[in-house]
Amino acid sequence: MAIDATELQRLNLQYRDLTGQTVRNYVCPITLQDRPGEELCKGHILNQSLVKASRAHVIQYKDVDNCFGQSIEPHLVKWLNLPFAKPEDLVKMAKTLTITGPDGQKIDTFWANKAAKEKFQQIGLYRPDGSTFASPFLKNVKLPPGQYKQAEIVWNLTLSNASILGSLLKAAHLAMFRMIGYSWVLNPAGDKVRRALVGFLNEKEKGPRLEHFREFYQANSEIFNHGGETMKDTLQAGTLLFHYANGDRVTGEMFAITLVFSVNDRLTTVTLPSYENDGHYFPALDLYQQFLKNRAMPHNVYRVQFSEGQFRIEANPMKLALAEKPDKRVGKPISPA
């Protein structure tokens, strides 16, 4: 799908105005590389395989977009799509799958391409209507040809906290870039998030490694609306949360921005470091790190609306309460009281 040439020109001029450097092709908001001749694409902010989510995008290098989409984002997709998954969908997501043979023997299976047929037997798993929904290979066992009804299938679904966190950090970083462009990417707070993503990209093996995102552990959570109030999505409605410590929005220190993603009827949040006044980055970062260690840290949170290039912050802080039973998979959820 073709990119928007007008948007590309706008971003290139913005980067030139901020840095004084002329752009030859496009400056990646993650790597900060300008690579003439390299293919650009409409890079997804949230993975397109999510059942119900914003389809907002930004201009991105195709290989960078594909790297995240093929390495760590499948973990986020599996986790967030679970409420919509049928048993056969879960089987396809399985890391390990065991089938009980006709004699009661437990047979391990694996997933591979057609080349594995030369050495291993493949078995088809059928729906009630007789159509095949998955075809794993059997490990070191061969069964006589035929249909085996009522076979027991056991599978394990593995999710990586590091992959989920990294995927959400990438989405939040690109969402900020979509709103305010290189002003986010080039400031110290945005650069800190960007460097974590670059550290992952530079790994030769793109496995889910927490060390690249360790400083942001518990930056993601979920919002539960017990009072029935609906909080709108950042990408669709421009809704954000600004965090202030040691006072209110006038007297206190801004230290974080929370983005809200509505995915599959759940509100998933990502809190990024931020600061408001020149020279206050490091004090604000210290508060941000304290907050991630203790999500119940007393502070003031304000609802913000991003519209027409401006952040409009409400006059009074929100009331927030820490959920009693934190979801250990993704951090401690917060809940509007």
Protein backbone atom coordinates (compact mmCIF):
# COMPACT_ATOMS: atom_id res chain seq x y z
CA MET A 1 0.00 0.00 0.00
CA ALA A 2 1.41 3.36 -1.06
CA ILE A 3 2.51 5.80 1.59
CA ASP A 4 1.21 9.36 1.80
CA ALA A 5 3.71 11.54 -0.09
CA THR A 6 2.38 14.71 1.57
CA GLU A 7 2.87 13.22 5.03
CA LEU A 8 6.38 12.06 4.11
CA GLN A 9 7.30 15.58 2.98
CA ARG A 10 5.82 17.09 6.16
CA LEU A 11 7.87 14.79 8.41
CA ASN A 12 11.06 15.35 6.41
CA LEU A 13 10.66 19.11 6.69
CA GLN A 14 9.92 18.81 10.41
CA TYR A 15 13.12 16.83 10.95
CA ARG A 16 15.12 19.38 8.96
CA ASP A 17 13.66 22.26 10.99
CA LEU A 18 14.53 20.53 14.28
CA THR A 19 18.03 19.36 13.38
CA GLY A 20 19.17 21.44 10.43
CA GLN A 21 19.84 18.22 8.47
CA THR A 22 18.33 17.60 5.04
CA VAL A 23 16.59 14.22 4.74
CA ARG A 24 17.42 12.09 1.72
CA ASN A 25 14.64 9.50 2.12
CA TYR A 26 13.13 9.26 5.61
CA VAL A 27 14.45 9.26 9.17
CA CYS A 28 13.21 6.19 11.01
CA PRO A 29 11.53 7.15 14.32
CA ILE A 30 13.12 4.09 15.95
CA THR A 31 16.61 3.79 14.45
CA LEU A 32 17.06 7.46 13.40
CA GLN A 33 18.60 6.15 10.20
CA ASP A 34 18.02 7.86 6.86
CA ARG A 35 18.46 5.17 4.18
CA PRO A 36 18.10 6.32 0.58
CA GLY A 37 16.56 3.71 -1.70
CA GLU A 38 15.16 1.55 1.11
CA GLU A 39 11.49 0.60 0.89
CA LEU A 40 8.98 2.46 3.05
CA CYS A 41 5.58 1.21 4.15
CA LYS A 42 2.55 2.09 6.24
CA GLY A 43 3.95 0.74 9.49
CA HIS A 44 1.39 -0.62 11.93
CA ILE A 45 1.23 0.88 15.41
CA LEU A 46 -0.80 -2.05 16.73
CA ASN A 47 -0.38 -5.38 14.95
CA GLN A 48 -2.98 -5.91 12.23
CA SER A 49 -3.65 -9.47 13.44
CA LEU A 50 -5.41 -8.14 16.54
CA VAL A 51 -9.13 -8.80 16.14
CA LYS A 52 -10.44 -5.42 17.31
CA ALA A 53 -7.94 -2.56 17.42
CA SER A 54 -7.10 0.73 15.77
CA ARG A 55 -5.53 0.37 12.33
CA ALA A 56 -3.59 3.62 12.70
CA HIS A 57 -0.17 3.64 11.11
CA VAL A 58 2.94 5.75 10.58
CA ILE A 59 5.47 5.83 7.78
CA GLN A 60 8.17 3.28 8.52
CA TYR A 61 10.91 1.29 6.85
CA LYS A 62 9.45 -2.03 5.77
CA ASP A 63 12.23 -4.17 7.27
CA VAL A 64 11.91 -2.45 10.68
CA ASP A 65 8.15 -2.89 10.68
CA ASN A 66 8.45 -6.55 9.66
CA CYS A 67 11.10 -7.25 12.31
CA PHE A 68 8.76 -6.37 15.17
CA GLY A 69 5.78 -7.95 13.42
CA GLN A 70 7.52 -11.28 13.00
CA SER A 71 9.53 -11.54 16.22
CA ILE A 72 7.89 -10.28 19.41
CA GLU A 73 4.46 -9.00 18.36
CA PRO A 74 2.98 -12.50 17.83
CA HIS A 75 3.16 -12.88 21.63
CA LEU A 76 1.10 -9.71 22.10
CA VAL A 77 -1.38 -10.87 19.46
CA LYS A 78 -1.83 -14.26 21.14
CA TRP A 79 -2.35 -12.71 24.56
CA LEU A 80 -4.81 -10.02 23.48
CA ASN A 81 -6.71 -12.28 21.06
CA LEU A 82 -7.30 -15.01 23.65
CA PRO A 83 -10.89 -13.87 24.46
CA PHE A 84 -11.81 -14.46 20.80
CA ALA A 85 -9.85 -17.68 20.26
CA LYS A 86 -11.54 -20.98 19.48
CA PRO A 87 -9.89 -24.26 20.56
CA GLU A 88 -8.52 -24.75 17.05
CA ASP A 89 -7.00 -21.25 17.15
CA LEU A 90 -5.28 -22.12 20.43
CA VAL A 91 -3.89 -25.30 18.87
CA LYS A 92 -2.32 -23.26 16.08
CA MET A 93 -0.73 -20.97 18.68
CA ALA A 94 0.65 -23.90 20.68
CA LYS A 95 4.35 -24.19 21.30
CA THR A 96 4.05 -27.89 22.19
CA LEU A 97 1.25 -30.30 21.35
CA THR A 98 0.85 -33.93 22.45
CA ILE A 99 -1.56 -36.48 20.95
CA THR A 100 -2.65 -39.68 22.67
CA GLY A 101 -2.41 -42.55 20.17
CA PRO A 102 -4.89 -45.44 19.82
CA ASP A 103 -2.89 -47.58 22.27
CA GLY A 104 -2.74 -44.81 24.88
CA GLN A 105 0.78 -43.76 23.95
CA LYS A 106 1.59 -40.04 24.33
CA ILE A 107 3.04 -38.77 21.05
CA ASP A 108 4.91 -35.47 20.86
CA THR A 109 4.42 -33.37 17.75
CA PHE A 110 6.11 -30.37 16.15
CA TRP A 111 5.35 -27.76 13.53
CA ALA A 112 7.44 -27.61 10.34
CA ASN A 113 7.21 -26.97 6.62
CA LYS A 114 6.51 -29.58 3.92
CA ALA A 115 10.17 -30.65 3.76
CA ALA A 116 9.70 -32.53 7.05
CA LYS A 117 7.46 -35.05 5.21
CA GLU A 118 10.56 -36.84 3.98
CA LYS A 119 11.39 -38.09 7.50
CA PHE A 120 8.30 -37.58 9.65
CA GLN A 121 4.66 -38.54 9.48
CA GLN A 122 2.12 -35.74 9.37
CA ILE A 123 -1.30 -35.99 10.97
CA GLY A 124 -4.36 -33.92 10.17
CA LEU A 125 -6.58 -32.52 12.92
CA TYR A 126 -10.18 -32.20 11.79
CA ARG A 127 -13.19 -30.05 12.55
CA PRO A 128 -16.63 -31.68 13.00
CA ASP A 129 -17.37 -30.95 9.32
CA GLY A 130 -14.30 -32.93 8.23
CA SER A 131 -12.12 -29.99 7.17
CA THR A 132 -8.51 -29.82 8.42
CA PHE A 133 -7.52 -26.99 10.75
CA ALA A 134 -3.94 -28.03 11.64
CA SER A 135 -1.35 -30.58 10.48
CA PRO A 136 1.50 -31.17 12.96
CA PHE A 137 4.28 -33.73 12.46
CA LEU A 138 4.75 -36.73 14.76
CA LYS A 139 8.07 -37.09 16.58
CA ASN A 140 9.75 -40.48 16.16
CA VAL A 141 6.41 -42.34 15.81
CA LYS A 142 4.45 -43.62 12.83
CA LEU A 143 0.80 -44.56 13.05
CA PRO A 144 -1.02 -46.90 10.66
CA PRO A 145 -3.04 -44.97 8.06
CA GLY A 146 -6.62 -44.27 9.06
CA GLN A 147 -8.87 -42.00 11.12
CA TYR A 148 -8.54 -41.86 14.89
CA LYS A 149 -11.68 -40.45 16.50
CA GLN A 150 -11.85 -38.96 19.98
CA ALA A 151 -8.09 -38.62 20.22
CA GLU A 152 -6.92 -36.57 23.18
CA ILE A 153 -4.92 -33.47 22.30
CA VAL A 154 -2.96 -31.54 24.93
CA TRP A 155 -1.10 -28.34 24.15
CA ASN A 156 0.91 -25.65 25.90
CA LEU A 157 0.59 -21.99 24.97
CA THR A 158 3.67 -19.93 25.84
CA LEU A 159 3.67 -16.15 26.15
CA SER A 160 6.69 -13.94 26.77
CA ASN A 161 6.39 -11.00 29.18
CA ALA A 162 9.38 -9.39 27.49
CA SER A 163 7.78 -9.68 24.05
CA ILE A 164 4.46 -8.28 25.24
CA LEU A 165 6.18 -5.36 26.98
CA GLY A 166 8.48 -4.64 24.03
CA SER A 167 5.57 -4.74 21.57
CA LEU A 168 3.55 -2.29 23.65
CA LEU A 169 6.54 0.04 24.08
CA LYS A 170 6.97 0.07 20.32
CA ALA A 171 3.27 0.83 19.83
CA ALA A 172 3.34 3.64 22.40
CA HIS A 173 6.52 5.15 20.92
CA LEU A 174 5.01 5.20 17.43
CA ALA A 175 1.72 6.56 18.77
CA MET A 176 3.61 9.50 20.31
CA PHE A 177 5.45 9.97 17.03
CA ARG A 178 2.13 10.00 15.18
CA MET A 179 0.90 12.81 17.43
CA ILE A 180 3.93 15.11 17.75
CA GLY A 181 6.49 13.68 15.35
CA TYR A 182 10.21 14.11 15.90
CA SER A 183 9.59 16.41 18.86
CA TRP A 184 8.95 13.19 20.78
CA VAL A 185 11.66 11.08 19.15
CA LEU A 186 14.44 13.61 19.70
CA ASN A 187 13.71 14.67 23.28
CA PRO A 188 15.45 12.76 26.11
CA ALA A 189 12.34 10.88 27.25
CA GLY A 190 11.41 9.71 23.77
CA ASP A 191 15.04 8.90 23.05
CA LYS A 192 15.18 6.64 26.11
CA VAL A 193 12.26 4.57 24.81
CA ARG A 194 13.71 4.58 21.31
CA ARG A 195 17.10 3.28 22.49
CA ALA A 196 15.47 0.30 24.19
CA LEU A 197 13.75 -0.59 20.91
CA VAL A 198 16.98 -0.12 18.95
CA GLY A 199 18.80 -2.40 21.39
CA PHE A 200 16.35 -5.15 20.53
CA LEU A 201 16.58 -4.48 16.78
CA ASN A 202 20.38 -4.73 16.88
CA GLU A 203 20.27 -8.24 18.38
CA LYS A 204 21.26 -10.90 15.86
CA GLU A 205 18.81 -13.30 17.47
CA LYS A 206 15.41 -11.65 17.89
CA GLY A 207 14.34 -13.76 20.87
CA PRO A 208 12.22 -12.32 23.67
CA ARG A 209 14.90 -10.88 25.95
CA LEU A 210 13.80 -8.84 28.90
CA GLU A 211 17.08 -6.98 29.36
CA HIS A 212 16.31 -4.53 26.54
CA PHE A 213 13.06 -3.53 28.23
CA ARG A 214 13.96 -4.17 31.87
CA GLU A 215 13.93 -0.46 32.77
CA PHE A 216 10.28 -0.36 31.67
CA TYR A 217 9.12 -3.42 33.60
CA GLN A 218 5.53 -2.84 34.76
CA ALA A 219 5.09 0.10 32.38
CA ASN A 220 2.05 -1.69 30.92
CA SER A 221 -1.18 -2.51 32.71
CA GLU A 222 -4.91 -2.69 32.22
CA ILE A 223 -7.68 -0.29 33.20
CA PHE A 224 -10.86 -1.73 34.66
CA ASN A 225 -13.86 0.59 34.74
CA HIS A 226 -15.84 -0.55 37.77
CA GLY A 227 -17.94 2.61 37.72
CA GLY A 228 -19.09 2.04 34.14
CA GLU A 229 -17.25 5.07 32.75
CA THR A 230 -15.57 4.44 29.42
CA MET A 231 -12.11 5.84 28.81
CA LYS A 232 -11.42 6.46 25.15
CA ASP A 233 -8.46 5.22 23.15
CA THR A 234 -5.34 7.29 22.39
CA LEU A 235 -5.22 6.37 18.71
CA GLN A 236 -8.92 6.80 18.05
CA ALA A 237 -9.79 9.71 20.33
CA GLY A 238 -6.50 11.27 21.44
CA THR A 239 -6.97 10.35 25.12
CA LEU A 240 -3.91 10.26 27.37
CA LEU A 241 -3.05 10.54 31.06
CA PHE A 242 -0.42 12.93 32.45
CA HIS A 243 1.23 12.08 35.79
CA TYR A 244 2.44 14.67 38.33
CA ALA A 245 4.24 14.02 41.63
CA ASN A 246 4.87 16.27 44.63
CA GLY A 247 1.96 18.52 43.78
CA ASP A 248 -0.68 19.17 41.15
CA ARG A 249 -0.30 20.16 37.49
CA VAL A 250 0.75 23.68 38.54
CA THR A 251 3.00 23.02 41.53
CA GLY A 252 4.13 19.44 40.89
CA GLU A 253 6.63 17.64 38.66
CA MET A 254 5.35 15.94 35.51
CA PHE A 255 7.10 12.60 35.11
CA ALA A 256 5.06 10.31 32.85
CA ILE A 257 2.51 9.99 30.04
CA THR A 258 0.13 7.03 29.80
CA LEU A 259 -1.28 5.96 26.45
CA VAL A 260 -4.50 3.97 26.29
CA PHE A 261 -5.07 1.28 23.66
CA SER A 262 -8.51 -0.26 23.20
CA VAL A 263 -7.92 -3.80 21.98
CA ASN A 264 -10.59 -6.50 21.87
CA ASP A 265 -12.82 -4.56 24.27
CA ARG A 266 -10.04 -4.25 26.85
CA LEU A 267 -8.14 -1.09 27.75
CA THR A 268 -4.41 -1.72 27.79
CA THR A 269 -2.15 1.10 28.94
CA VAL A 270 1.52 1.92 28.50
CA THR A 271 3.22 4.53 30.67
CA LEU A 272 6.25 6.30 29.19
CA PRO A 273 8.72 8.69 30.84
CA SER A 274 8.17 12.38 30.23
CA TYR A 275 8.95 15.80 31.67
CA GLU A 276 7.59 19.31 31.28
CA ASN A 277 10.28 21.85 32.11
CA ASP A 278 13.74 22.28 30.59
CA GLY A 279 16.43 20.76 32.75
CA HIS A 280 13.98 18.54 34.64
CA TYR A 281 14.47 15.31 32.66
CA PHE A 282 16.56 13.48 35.26
CA PRO A 283 14.42 14.39 38.30
CA ALA A 284 11.34 13.35 36.31
CA LEU A 285 13.00 10.10 35.22
CA ASP A 286 13.78 9.28 38.85
CA LEU A 287 10.09 9.72 39.72
CA TYR A 288 9.09 7.58 36.73
CA GLN A 289 11.37 4.77 37.90
CA GLN A 290 9.95 5.03 41.43
CA PHE A 291 6.45 4.78 39.99
CA LEU A 292 7.23 1.61 38.03
CA LYS A 293 8.53 0.00 41.21
CA ASN A 294 5.45 1.09 43.14
CA ARG A 295 2.35 1.69 41.03
CA ALA A 296 0.52 2.78 44.19
CA MET A 297 2.87 5.76 44.58
CA PRO A 298 0.81 8.82 45.59
CA HIS A 299 0.58 11.29 42.73
CA ASN A 300 -1.93 13.18 40.60
CA VAL A 301 -3.19 11.92 37.26
CA TYR A 302 -4.95 14.14 34.72
CA ARG A 303 -6.99 13.16 31.71
CA VAL A 304 -5.66 14.82 28.54
CA GLN A 305 -7.13 15.26 25.07
CA PHE A 306 -4.81 15.57 22.07
CA SER A 307 -6.56 17.50 19.32
CA GLU A 308 -5.41 19.71 16.46
CA GLY A 309 -1.80 19.39 17.51
CA GLN A 310 -2.40 20.43 21.13
CA PHE A 311 -2.57 18.62 24.48
CA ARG A 312 -5.60 19.86 26.41
CA ILE A 313 -5.38 18.87 30.07
CA GLU A 314 -8.39 18.81 32.38
CA ALA A 315 -8.40 21.14 35.35
CA ASN A 316 -8.93 18.51 38.06
CA PRO A 317 -7.08 15.21 38.62
CA MET A 318 -8.76 11.84 38.21
CA LYS A 319 -9.41 9.39 41.01
CA LEU A 320 -7.43 6.20 40.53
CA ALA A 321 -7.32 3.00 42.57
CA LEU A 322 -4.90 0.10 42.37
CA ALA A 323 -6.65 -3.16 41.54
CA GLU A 324 -6.65 -5.63 44.43
CA LYS A 325 -5.59 -8.57 42.29
CA PRO A 326 -2.81 -7.53 39.89
CA ASP A 327 -2.43 -9.48 36.68
CA LYS A 328 1.06 -10.92 37.07
CA ARG A 329 1.43 -11.39 33.32
CA VAL A 330 1.54 -7.70 32.53
CA GLY A 331 2.04 -5.71 35.71
CA LYS A 332 -0.35 -4.16 38.21
CA PRO A 333 -3.55 -2.81 36.65
CA ILE A 334 -4.93 0.55 37.69
CA SER A 335 -8.62 1.25 37.83
CA PRO A 336 -10.65 4.45 37.73
CA ALA A 337 -12.48 4.48 41.07
